[in-house]
Amino acid sequence: MNLKGQPIRHEIVYGVTSLSSVNASPKRLLALNRGHWGIENRLHWVRDVTFDEDRSQVRTGAGPRMMATMRNIAISLHRLFGKVKNVSKASRDCFACPEKVLKLIGI
């Protein structure tokens, strides 16, 4: 039990890797795993939450891929040129003031 009287939880995680046992040290595997989740949290979370991608109504032809590309471009522009950490706030600012987008890309 922890200090709040709740049972302590233990979790065992198994992974599959193509690395040899020489190259798959615990430190390296942890770094690779954290790197994977860094991508998940940095890009996919923003697409899922900020742009509400999972509820998109675009489902036919090249539409879904095009919308995903446009979302990725928006996220990249904000992060590369806008030097922002909060993509949601930056997007709202751009929606409210479209000329910011042109300034952001140098037009």
PDB file of N, CA and C in Angstrom:
ATOM      1  N   MET A   1       0.838  -1.190   0.000  1.00  0.00           N
ATOM      2  CA  MET A   1       0.000   0.000   0.000  1.00  0.00           C
ATOM      3  C   MET A   1       0.882   1.253   0.000  1.00  0.00           C
ATOM      4  N   ASN A   2       0.412   2.253  -0.722  1.00  0.00           N
ATOM      5  CA  ASN A   2       1.142   3.526  -0.702  1.00  0.00           C
ATOM      6  C   ASN A   2       0.643   4.379   0.476  1.00  0.00           C
ATOM      7  N   LEU A   3       1.113   5.612   0.561  1.00  0.00           N
ATOM      8  CA  LEU A   3       0.752   6.472   1.696  1.00  0.00           C
ATOM      9  C   LEU A   3      -0.732   6.828   1.732  1.00  0.00           C
ATOM     10  N   LYS A   4      -1.410   6.738   0.570  1.00  0.00           N
ATOM     11  CA  LYS A   4      -2.840   7.035   0.521  1.00  0.00           C
ATOM     12  C   LYS A   4      -3.694   5.787   0.757  1.00  0.00           C
ATOM     13  N   GLY A   5      -3.037   4.654   1.057  1.00  0.00           N
ATOM     14  CA  GLY A   5      -3.770   3.420   1.309  1.00  0.00           C
ATOM     15  C   GLY A   5      -4.171   2.676   0.045  1.00  0.00           C
ATOM     16  N   GLN A   6      -3.666   3.100  -1.093  1.00  0.00           N
ATOM     17  CA  GLN A   6      -3.993   2.443  -2.355  1.00  0.00           C
ATOM     18  C   GLN A   6      -2.965   1.346  -2.632  1.00  0.00           C
ATOM     19  N   PRO A   7      -3.397   0.264  -3.263  1.00  0.00           N
ATOM     20  CA  PRO A   7      -2.441  -0.797  -3.576  1.00  0.00           C
ATOM     21  C   PRO A   7      -1.390  -0.301  -4.573  1.00  0.00           C
ATOM     22  N   ILE A   8      -0.167  -0.756  -4.400  1.00  0.00           N
ATOM     23  CA  ILE A   8       0.910  -0.392  -5.318  1.00  0.00           C
ATOM     24  C   ILE A   8       0.754  -1.237  -6.573  1.00  0.00           C
ATOM     25  N   ARG A   9       0.867  -0.576  -7.704  1.00  0.00           N
ATOM     26  CA  ARG A   9       0.681  -1.247  -8.983  1.00  0.00           C
ATOM     27  C   ARG A   9       2.033  -1.548  -9.609  1.00  0.00           C
ATOM     28  N   HIS A  10       2.185  -2.728 -10.117  1.00  0.00           N
ATOM     29  CA  HIS A  10       3.394  -3.111 -10.843  1.00  0.00           C
ATOM     30  C   HIS A  10       2.986  -3.415 -12.276  1.00  0.00           C
ATOM     31  N   GLU A  11       3.813  -3.006 -13.204  1.00  0.00           N
ATOM     32  CA  GLU A  11       3.506  -3.232 -14.603  1.00  0.00           C
ATOM     33  C   GLU A  11       4.719  -3.859 -15.272  1.00  0.00           C
ATOM     34  N   ILE A  12       4.483  -4.901 -16.028  1.00  0.00           N
ATOM     35  CA  ILE A  12       5.546  -5.545 -16.795  1.00  0.00           C
ATOM     36  C   ILE A  12       5.256  -5.279 -18.266  1.00  0.00           C
ATOM     37  N   VAL A  13       6.252  -4.785 -18.962  1.00  0.00           N
ATOM     38  CA  VAL A  13       6.104  -4.460 -20.373  1.00  0.00           C
ATOM     39  C   VAL A  13       7.108  -5.281 -21.169  1.00  0.00           C
ATOM     40  N   TYR A  14       6.618  -5.917 -22.212  1.00  0.00           N
ATOM     41  CA  TYR A  14       7.484  -6.689 -23.088  1.00  0.00           C
ATOM     42  C   TYR A  14       7.643  -5.938 -24.397  1.00  0.00           C
ATOM     43  N   GLY A  15       8.803  -6.046 -24.983  1.00  0.00           N
ATOM     44  CA  GLY A  15       9.043  -5.384 -26.264  1.00  0.00           C
ATOM     45  C   GLY A  15       9.799  -6.303 -27.198  1.00  0.00           C
ATOM     46  N   VAL A  16       9.658  -6.063 -28.474  1.00  0.00           N
ATOM     47  CA  VAL A  16      10.362  -6.827 -29.496  1.00  0.00           C
ATOM     48  C   VAL A  16      11.278  -5.858 -30.220  1.00  0.00           C
ATOM     49  N   THR A  17      12.507  -6.255 -30.421  1.00  0.00           N
ATOM     50  CA  THR A  17      13.459  -5.388 -31.105  1.00  0.00           C
ATOM     51  C   THR A  17      14.310  -6.206 -32.058  1.00  0.00           C
ATOM     52  N   SER A  18      14.807  -5.560 -33.071  1.00  0.00           N
ATOM     53  CA  SER A  18      15.729  -6.219 -33.998  1.00  0.00           C
ATOM     54  C   SER A  18      17.174  -6.003 -33.570  1.00  0.00           C
ATOM     55  N   LEU A  19      17.374  -5.284 -32.475  1.00  0.00           N
ATOM     56  CA  LEU A  19      18.732  -5.051 -31.980  1.00  0.00           C
ATOM     57  C   LEU A  19      19.304  -6.335 -31.396  1.00  0.00           C
ATOM     58  N   SER A  20      20.593  -6.479 -31.541  1.00  0.00           N
ATOM     59  CA  SER A  20      21.252  -7.627 -30.916  1.00  0.00           C
ATOM     60  C   SER A  20      21.320  -7.396 -29.410  1.00  0.00           C
ATOM     61  N   SER A  21      21.590  -8.462 -28.660  1.00  0.00           N
ATOM     62  CA  SER A  21      21.669  -8.319 -27.204  1.00  0.00           C
ATOM     63  C   SER A  21      22.816  -7.391 -26.803  1.00  0.00           C
ATOM     64  N   VAL A  22      23.828  -7.284 -27.644  1.00  0.00           N
ATOM     65  CA  VAL A  22      24.955  -6.378 -27.369  1.00  0.00           C
ATOM     66  C   VAL A  22      24.494  -4.920 -27.480  1.00  0.00           C
ATOM     67  N   ASN A  23      23.645  -4.636 -28.476  1.00  0.00           N
ATOM     68  CA  ASN A  23      23.191  -3.260 -28.720  1.00  0.00           C
ATOM     69  C   ASN A  23      21.910  -2.887 -27.967  1.00  0.00           C
ATOM     70  N   ALA A  24      21.270  -3.866 -27.358  1.00  0.00           N
ATOM     71  CA  ALA A  24      19.986  -3.615 -26.692  1.00  0.00           C
ATOM     72  C   ALA A  24      20.156  -3.521 -25.183  1.00  0.00           C
ATOM     73  N   SER A  25      20.976  -2.604 -24.743  1.00  0.00           N
ATOM     74  CA  SER A  25      21.136  -2.408 -23.304  1.00  0.00           C
ATOM     75  C   SER A  25      19.858  -1.792 -22.743  1.00  0.00           C
ATOM     76  N   PRO A  26      19.600  -1.970 -21.464  1.00  0.00           N
ATOM     77  CA  PRO A  26      18.406  -1.353 -20.870  1.00  0.00           C
ATOM     78  C   PRO A  26      18.361   0.160 -21.102  1.00  0.00           C
ATOM     79  N   LYS A  27      19.500   0.817 -21.009  1.00  0.00           N
ATOM     80  CA  LYS A  27      19.554   2.268 -21.217  1.00  0.00           C
ATOM     81  C   LYS A  27      19.145   2.631 -22.642  1.00  0.00           C
ATOM     82  N   ARG A  28      19.639   1.878 -23.617  1.00  0.00           N
ATOM     83  CA  ARG A  28      19.319   2.143 -25.026  1.00  0.00           C
ATOM     84  C   ARG A  28      17.851   1.867 -25.299  1.00  0.00           C
ATOM     85  N   LEU A  29      17.333   0.754 -24.783  1.00  0.00           N
ATOM     86  CA  LEU A  29      15.925   0.432 -24.995  1.00  0.00           C
ATOM     87  C   LEU A  29      15.008   1.480 -24.370  1.00  0.00           C
ATOM     88  N   LEU A  30      15.376   1.967 -23.196  1.00  0.00           N
ATOM     89  CA  LEU A  30      14.586   3.018 -22.554  1.00  0.00           C
ATOM     90  C   LEU A  30      14.599   4.290 -23.392  1.00  0.00           C
ATOM     91  N   ALA A  31      15.765   4.648 -23.908  1.00  0.00           N
ATOM     92  CA  ALA A  31      15.875   5.851 -24.755  1.00  0.00           C
ATOM     93  C   ALA A  31      15.037   5.706 -26.021  1.00  0.00           C
ATOM     94  N   LEU A  32      15.071   4.542 -26.643  1.00  0.00           N
ATOM     95  CA  LEU A  32      14.264   4.316 -27.853  1.00  0.00           C
ATOM     96  C   LEU A  32      12.776   4.387 -27.539  1.00  0.00           C
ATOM     97  N   ASN A  33      12.377   3.799 -26.428  1.00  0.00           N
ATOM     98  CA  ASN A  33      10.972   3.830 -26.037  1.00  0.00           C
ATOM     99  C   ASN A  33      10.512   5.255 -25.740  1.00  0.00           C
ATOM    100  N   ARG A  34      11.318   5.983 -24.992  1.00  0.00           N
ATOM    101  CA  ARG A  34      10.953   7.380 -24.686  1.00  0.00           C
ATOM    102  C   ARG A  34      10.929   8.232 -25.941  1.00  0.00           C
ATOM    103  N   GLY A  35      11.851   7.962 -26.863  1.00  0.00           N
ATOM    104  CA  GLY A  35      11.857   8.697 -28.130  1.00  0.00           C
ATOM    105  C   GLY A  35      10.577   8.465 -28.914  1.00  0.00           C
ATOM    106  N   HIS A  36      10.110   7.218 -28.916  1.00  0.00           N
ATOM    107  CA  HIS A  36       8.857   6.897 -29.597  1.00  0.00           C
ATOM    108  C   HIS A  36       7.700   7.689 -28.996  1.00  0.00           C
ATOM    109  N   TRP A  37       7.608   7.698 -27.664  1.00  0.00           N
ATOM    110  CA  TRP A  37       6.513   8.401 -27.017  1.00  0.00           C
ATOM    111  C   TRP A  37       6.674   9.910 -27.145  1.00  0.00           C
ATOM    112  N   GLY A  38       7.896  10.387 -27.298  1.00  0.00           N
ATOM    113  CA  GLY A  38       8.102  11.814 -27.545  1.00  0.00           C
ATOM    114  C   GLY A  38       7.448  12.238 -28.841  1.00  0.00           C
ATOM    115  N   ILE A  39       7.595  11.399 -29.871  1.00  0.00           N
ATOM    116  CA  ILE A  39       6.948  11.678 -31.159  1.00  0.00           C
ATOM    117  C   ILE A  39       5.444  11.602 -30.995  1.00  0.00           C
ATOM    118  N   GLU A  40       4.975  10.560 -30.334  1.00  0.00           N
ATOM    119  CA  GLU A  40       3.538  10.398 -30.125  1.00  0.00           C
ATOM    120  C   GLU A  40       2.955  11.615 -29.413  1.00  0.00           C
ATOM    121  N   ASN A  41       3.612  12.050 -28.358  1.00  0.00           N
ATOM    122  CA  ASN A  41       3.090  13.171 -27.575  1.00  0.00           C
ATOM    123  C   ASN A  41       3.247  14.502 -28.294  1.00  0.00           C
ATOM    124  N   ARG A  42       4.308  14.668 -29.036  1.00  0.00           N
ATOM    125  CA  ARG A  42       4.581  15.956 -29.674  1.00  0.00           C
ATOM    126  C   ARG A  42       3.744  16.186 -30.922  1.00  0.00           C
ATOM    127  N   LEU A  43       3.525  15.161 -31.721  1.00  0.00           N
ATOM    128  CA  LEU A  43       2.808  15.340 -32.976  1.00  0.00           C
ATOM    129  C   LEU A  43       1.391  14.785 -32.918  1.00  0.00           C
ATOM    130  N   HIS A  44       1.261  13.518 -32.631  1.00  0.00           N
ATOM    131  CA  HIS A  44      -0.051  12.888 -32.712  1.00  0.00           C
ATOM    132  C   HIS A  44      -1.019  13.438 -31.677  1.00  0.00           C
ATOM    133  N   TRP A  45      -0.527  13.744 -30.493  1.00  0.00           N
ATOM    134  CA  TRP A  45      -1.415  14.313 -29.479  1.00  0.00           C
ATOM    135  C   TRP A  45      -1.957  15.658 -29.956  1.00  0.00           C
ATOM    136  N   VAL A  46      -1.109  16.474 -30.551  1.00  0.00           N
ATOM    137  CA  VAL A  46      -1.553  17.783 -31.055  1.00  0.00           C
ATOM    138  C   VAL A  46      -2.582  17.580 -32.163  1.00  0.00           C
ATOM    139  N   ARG A  47      -2.306  16.623 -33.062  1.00  0.00           N
ATOM    140  CA  ARG A  47      -3.277  16.370 -34.135  1.00  0.00           C
ATOM    141  C   ARG A  47      -4.596  15.864 -33.574  1.00  0.00           C
ATOM    142  N   ASP A  48      -4.544  14.987 -32.573  1.00  0.00           N
ATOM    143  CA  ASP A  48      -5.767  14.423 -32.007  1.00  0.00           C
ATOM    144  C   ASP A  48      -6.550  15.432 -31.183  1.00  0.00           C
ATOM    145  N   VAL A  49      -5.858  16.211 -30.364  1.00  0.00           N
ATOM    146  CA  VAL A  49      -6.544  17.098 -29.423  1.00  0.00           C
ATOM    147  C   VAL A  49      -6.775  18.481 -30.022  1.00  0.00           C
ATOM    148  N   THR A  50      -5.727  19.125 -30.490  1.00  0.00           N
ATOM    149  CA  THR A  50      -5.861  20.491 -30.996  1.00  0.00           C
ATOM    150  C   THR A  50      -6.704  20.555 -32.266  1.00  0.00           C
ATOM    151  N   PHE A  51      -6.436  19.625 -33.203  1.00  0.00           N
ATOM    152  CA  PHE A  51      -7.151  19.650 -34.480  1.00  0.00           C
ATOM    153  C   PHE A  51      -8.316  18.659 -34.524  1.00  0.00           C
ATOM    154  N   ASP A  52      -8.546  17.944 -33.415  1.00  0.00           N
ATOM    155  CA  ASP A  52      -9.675  17.019 -33.291  1.00  0.00           C
ATOM    156  C   ASP A  52      -9.766  16.078 -34.497  1.00  0.00           C
ATOM    157  N   GLU A  53      -8.607  15.566 -34.897  1.00  0.00           N
ATOM    158  CA  GLU A  53      -8.497  14.768 -36.109  1.00  0.00           C
ATOM    159  C   GLU A  53      -9.359  13.511 -36.091  1.00  0.00           C
ATOM    160  N   ASP A  54      -9.531  12.912 -34.944  1.00  0.00           N
ATOM    161  CA  ASP A  54     -10.287  11.657 -34.869  1.00  0.00           C
ATOM    162  C   ASP A  54     -11.760  11.822 -35.247  1.00  0.00           C
ATOM    163  N   ARG A  55     -12.275  13.029 -35.129  1.00  0.00           N
ATOM    164  CA  ARG A  55     -13.689  13.258 -35.484  1.00  0.00           C
ATOM    165  C   ARG A  55     -13.853  13.890 -36.863  1.00  0.00           C
ATOM    166  N   SER A  56     -12.804  13.865 -37.669  1.00  0.00           N
ATOM    167  CA  SER A  56     -12.878  14.443 -39.007  1.00  0.00           C
ATOM    168  C   SER A  56     -13.931  13.720 -39.845  1.00  0.00           C
ATOM    169  N   GLN A  57     -14.675  14.479 -40.627  1.00  0.00           N
ATOM    170  CA  GLN A  57     -15.696  13.923 -41.511  1.00  0.00           C
ATOM    171  C   GLN A  57     -15.144  13.611 -42.898  1.00  0.00           C
ATOM    172  N   VAL A  58     -13.887  13.965 -43.151  1.00  0.00           N
ATOM    173  CA  VAL A  58     -13.268  13.727 -44.455  1.00  0.00           C
ATOM    174  C   VAL A  58     -12.810  12.273 -44.488  1.00  0.00           C
ATOM    175  N   ARG A  59     -13.441  11.473 -45.387  1.00  0.00           N
ATOM    176  CA  ARG A  59     -13.158  10.039 -45.363  1.00  0.00           C
ATOM    177  C   ARG A  59     -12.949   9.408 -46.735  1.00  0.00           C
ATOM    178  N   THR A  60     -13.067  10.140 -47.812  1.00  0.00           N
ATOM    179  CA  THR A  60     -12.988   9.506 -49.129  1.00  0.00           C
ATOM    180  C   THR A  60     -11.837  10.054 -49.955  1.00  0.00           C
ATOM    181  N   GLY A  61     -11.371   9.229 -50.876  1.00  0.00           N
ATOM    182  CA  GLY A  61     -10.318   9.630 -51.799  1.00  0.00           C
ATOM    183  C   GLY A  61      -9.048  10.034 -51.071  1.00  0.00           C
ATOM    184  N   ALA A  62      -8.415  11.071 -51.591  1.00  0.00           N
ATOM    185  CA  ALA A  62      -7.172  11.577 -51.004  1.00  0.00           C
ATOM    186  C   ALA A  62      -7.438  12.591 -49.899  1.00  0.00           C
ATOM    187  N   GLY A  63      -8.699  12.850 -49.600  1.00  0.00           N
ATOM    188  CA  GLY A  63      -9.060  13.848 -48.597  1.00  0.00           C
ATOM    189  C   GLY A  63      -8.423  13.648 -47.233  1.00  0.00           C
ATOM    190  N   PRO A  64      -8.515  12.447 -46.647  1.00  0.00           N
ATOM    191  CA  PRO A  64      -7.922  12.251 -45.323  1.00  0.00           C
ATOM    192  C   PRO A  64      -6.410  12.494 -45.304  1.00  0.00           C
ATOM    193  N   ARG A  65      -5.723  12.014 -46.331  1.00  0.00           N
ATOM    194  CA  ARG A  65      -4.273  12.222 -46.390  1.00  0.00           C
ATOM    195  C   ARG A  65      -3.952  13.703 -46.574  1.00  0.00           C
ATOM    196  N   MET A  66      -4.733  14.384 -47.387  1.00  0.00           N
ATOM    197  CA  MET A  66      -4.507  15.814 -47.618  1.00  0.00           C
ATOM    198  C   MET A  66      -4.738  16.622 -46.347  1.00  0.00           C
ATOM    199  N   MET A  67      -5.791  16.291 -45.608  1.00  0.00           N
ATOM    200  CA  MET A  67      -6.065  17.010 -44.366  1.00  0.00           C
ATOM    201  C   MET A  67      -4.971  16.746 -43.332  1.00  0.00           C
ATOM    202  N   ALA A  68      -4.491  15.505 -43.249  1.00  0.00           N
ATOM    203  CA  ALA A  68      -3.399  15.189 -42.327  1.00  0.00           C
ATOM    204  C   ALA A  68      -2.148  15.972 -42.704  1.00  0.00           C
ATOM    205  N   THR A  69      -1.898  16.087 -44.005  1.00  0.00           N
ATOM    206  CA  THR A  69      -0.744  16.857 -44.483  1.00  0.00           C
ATOM    207  C   THR A  69      -0.889  18.322 -44.117  1.00  0.00           C
ATOM    208  N   MET A  70      -2.075  18.870 -44.286  1.00  0.00           N
ATOM    209  CA  MET A  70      -2.307  20.277 -43.952  1.00  0.00           C
ATOM    210  C   MET A  70      -2.138  20.518 -42.447  1.00  0.00           C
ATOM    211  N   ARG A  71      -2.608  19.588 -41.644  1.00  0.00           N
ATOM    212  CA  ARG A  71      -2.431  19.721 -40.192  1.00  0.00           C
ATOM    213  C   ARG A  71      -0.949  19.674 -39.827  1.00  0.00           C
ATOM    214  N   ASN A  72      -0.223  18.749 -40.445  1.00  0.00           N
ATOM    215  CA  ASN A  72       1.218  18.657 -40.182  1.00  0.00           C
ATOM    216  C   ASN A  72       1.947  19.929 -40.604  1.00  0.00           C
ATOM    217  N   ILE A  73       1.550  20.509 -41.722  1.00  0.00           N
ATOM    218  CA  ILE A  73       2.157  21.765 -42.182  1.00  0.00           C
ATOM    219  C   ILE A  73       1.880  22.875 -41.175  1.00  0.00           C
ATOM    220  N   ALA A  74       0.647  22.956 -40.708  1.00  0.00           N
ATOM    221  CA  ALA A  74       0.295  23.990 -39.730  1.00  0.00           C
ATOM    222  C   ALA A  74       1.114  23.836 -38.453  1.00  0.00           C
ATOM    223  N   ILE A  75       1.222  22.617 -37.958  1.00  0.00           N
ATOM    224  CA  ILE A  75       1.998  22.368 -36.739  1.00  0.00           C
ATOM    225  C   ILE A  75       3.458  22.736 -36.967  1.00  0.00           C
ATOM    226  N   SER A  76       4.000  22.313 -38.111  1.00  0.00           N
ATOM    227  CA  SER A  76       5.411  22.601 -38.417  1.00  0.00           C
ATOM    228  C   SER A  76       5.666  24.093 -38.555  1.00  0.00           C
ATOM    229  N   LEU A  77       4.776  24.805 -39.235  1.00  0.00           N
ATOM    230  CA  LEU A  77       4.946  26.260 -39.383  1.00  0.00           C
ATOM    231  C   LEU A  77       4.961  26.948 -38.027  1.00  0.00           C
ATOM    232  N   HIS A  78       4.032  26.557 -37.181  1.00  0.00           N
ATOM    233  CA  HIS A  78       3.993  27.163 -35.845  1.00  0.00           C
ATOM    234  C   HIS A  78       5.285  26.898 -35.084  1.00  0.00           C
ATOM    235  N   ARG A  79       5.757  25.670 -35.153  1.00  0.00           N
ATOM    236  CA  ARG A  79       6.943  25.309 -34.364  1.00  0.00           C
ATOM    237  C   ARG A  79       8.240  25.828 -34.971  1.00  0.00           C
ATOM    238  N   LEU A  80       8.344  25.813 -36.286  1.00  0.00           N
ATOM    239  CA  LEU A  80       9.600  26.230 -36.923  1.00  0.00           C
ATOM    240  C   LEU A  80       9.757  27.744 -36.988  1.00  0.00           C
ATOM    241  N   PHE A  81       8.697  28.417 -37.415  1.00  0.00           N
ATOM    242  CA  PHE A  81       8.802  29.851 -37.655  1.00  0.00           C
ATOM    243  C   PHE A  81       8.193  30.694 -36.549  1.00  0.00           C
ATOM    244  N   GLY A  82       7.165  30.166 -35.910  1.00  0.00           N
ATOM    245  CA  GLY A  82       6.492  30.936 -34.884  1.00  0.00           C
ATOM    246  C   GLY A  82       7.130  30.806 -33.516  1.00  0.00           C
ATOM    247  N   LYS A  83       8.006  29.826 -33.370  1.00  0.00           N
ATOM    248  CA  LYS A  83       8.692  29.593 -32.094  1.00  0.00           C
ATOM    249  C   LYS A  83       7.680  29.483 -30.954  1.00  0.00           C
ATOM    250  N   VAL A  84       6.619  28.707 -31.184  1.00  0.00           N
ATOM    251  CA  VAL A  84       5.581  28.559 -30.165  1.00  0.00           C
ATOM    252  C   VAL A  84       5.653  27.182 -29.526  1.00  0.00           C
ATOM    253  N   LYS A  85       5.191  27.100 -28.315  1.00  0.00           N
ATOM    254  CA  LYS A  85       5.080  25.813 -27.629  1.00  0.00           C
ATOM    255  C   LYS A  85       3.627  25.365 -27.581  1.00  0.00           C
ATOM    256  N   ASN A  86       2.707  26.296 -27.615  1.00  0.00           N
ATOM    257  CA  ASN A  86       1.293  25.971 -27.542  1.00  0.00           C
ATOM    258  C   ASN A  86       0.672  26.142 -28.926  1.00  0.00           C
ATOM    259  N   VAL A  87       0.577  25.041 -29.668  1.00  0.00           N
ATOM    260  CA  VAL A  87       0.070  25.081 -31.035  1.00  0.00           C
ATOM    261  C   VAL A  87      -1.398  25.489 -31.059  1.00  0.00           C
ATOM    262  N   SER A  88      -2.145  25.091 -30.047  1.00  0.00           N
ATOM    263  CA  SER A  88      -3.558  25.440 -29.984  1.00  0.00           C
ATOM    264  C   SER A  88      -3.749  26.962 -29.917  1.00  0.00           C
ATOM    265  N   LYS A  89      -3.004  27.612 -29.043  1.00  0.00           N
ATOM    266  CA  LYS A  89      -3.098  29.073 -28.929  1.00  0.00           C
ATOM    267  C   LYS A  89      -2.627  29.749 -30.205  1.00  0.00           C
ATOM    268  N   ALA A  90      -1.535  29.259 -30.776  1.00  0.00           N
ATOM    269  CA  ALA A  90      -1.011  29.848 -32.012  1.00  0.00           C
ATOM    270  C   ALA A  90      -2.017  29.700 -33.154  1.00  0.00           C
ATOM    271  N   SER A  91      -2.694  28.563 -33.212  1.00  0.00           N
ATOM    272  CA  SER A  91      -3.701  28.350 -34.260  1.00  0.00           C
ATOM    273  C   SER A  91      -4.874  29.307 -34.090  1.00  0.00           C
ATOM    274  N   ARG A  92      -5.331  29.474 -32.840  1.00  0.00           N
ATOM    275  CA  ARG A  92      -6.430  30.425 -32.600  1.00  0.00           C
ATOM    276  C   ARG A  92      -6.026  31.836 -32.998  1.00  0.00           C
ATOM    277  N   ASP A  93      -4.783  32.211 -32.696  1.00  0.00           N
ATOM    278  CA  ASP A  93      -4.291  33.531 -33.081  1.00  0.00           C
ATOM    279  C   ASP A  93      -4.312  33.702 -34.601  1.00  0.00           C
ATOM    280  N   CYS A  94      -3.917  32.658 -35.314  1.00  0.00           N
ATOM    281  CA  CYS A  94      -3.897  32.728 -36.780  1.00  0.00           C
ATOM    282  C   CYS A  94      -5.304  32.763 -37.361  1.00  0.00           C
ATOM    283  N   PHE A  95      -6.238  32.033 -36.741  1.00  0.00           N
ATOM    284  CA  PHE A  95      -7.623  32.071 -37.207  1.00  0.00           C
ATOM    285  C   PHE A  95      -8.204  33.466 -37.012  1.00  0.00           C
ATOM    286  N   ALA A  96      -7.858  34.100 -35.903  1.00  0.00           N
ATOM    287  CA  ALA A  96      -8.384  35.427 -35.592  1.00  0.00           C
ATOM    288  C   ALA A  96      -7.733  36.508 -36.450  1.00  0.00           C
ATOM    289  N   CYS A  97      -6.518  36.262 -36.887  1.00  0.00           N
ATOM    290  CA  CYS A  97      -5.770  37.269 -37.638  1.00  0.00           C
ATOM    291  C   CYS A  97      -5.018  36.577 -38.786  1.00  0.00           C
ATOM    292  N   PRO A  98      -5.699  36.261 -39.912  1.00  0.00           N
ATOM    293  CA  PRO A  98      -5.103  35.483 -40.992  1.00  0.00           C
ATOM    294  C   PRO A  98      -3.826  36.086 -41.581  1.00  0.00           C
ATOM    295  N   GLU A  99      -3.648  37.383 -41.473  1.00  0.00           N
ATOM    296  CA  GLU A  99      -2.422  37.990 -42.019  1.00  0.00           C
ATOM    297  C   GLU A  99      -1.178  37.522 -41.271  1.00  0.00           C
ATOM    298  N   LYS A 100      -1.360  37.015 -40.047  1.00  0.00           N
ATOM    299  CA  LYS A 100      -0.237  36.457 -39.297  1.00  0.00           C
ATOM    300  C   LYS A 100       0.358  35.246 -40.004  1.00  0.00           C
ATOM    301  N   VAL A 101      -0.528  34.465 -40.652  1.00  0.00           N
ATOM    302  CA  VAL A 101      -0.066  33.282 -41.372  1.00  0.00           C
ATOM    303  C   VAL A 101       0.853  33.702 -42.515  1.00  0.00           C
ATOM    304  N   LEU A 102       0.447  34.716 -43.253  1.00  0.00           N
ATOM    305  CA  LEU A 102       1.283  35.194 -44.367  1.00  0.00           C
ATOM    306  C   LEU A 102       2.615  35.741 -43.853  1.00  0.00           C
ATOM    307  N   LYS A 103       2.568  36.451 -42.758  1.00  0.00           N
ATOM    308  CA  LYS A 103       3.791  36.969 -42.166  1.00  0.00           C
ATOM    309  C   LYS A 103       4.683  35.826 -41.674  1.00  0.00           C
ATOM    310  N   LEU A 104       4.049  34.789 -41.129  1.00  0.00           N
ATOM    311  CA  LEU A 104       4.761  33.630 -40.628  1.00  0.00           C
ATOM    312  C   LEU A 104       5.574  32.951 -41.719  1.00  0.00           C
ATOM    313  N   ILE A 105       5.020  32.879 -42.931  1.00  0.00           N
ATOM    314  CA  ILE A 105       5.735  32.226 -44.025  1.00  0.00           C
ATOM    315  C   ILE A 105       6.490  33.218 -44.917  1.00  0.00           C
ATOM    316  N   GLY A 106       6.525  34.456 -44.508  1.00  0.00           N
ATOM    317  CA  GLY A 106       7.341  35.441 -45.215  1.00  0.00           C
ATOM    318  C   GLY A 106       6.693  36.117 -46.401  1.00  0.00           C
ATOM    319  N   ILE A 107       5.381  36.160 -46.432  1.00  0.00           N
ATOM    320  CA  ILE A 107       4.667  36.811 -47.562  1.00  0.00           C
ATOM    321  C   ILE A 107       4.043  38.101 -47.062  1.00  0.00           C
TER     322      ILE A 107
END
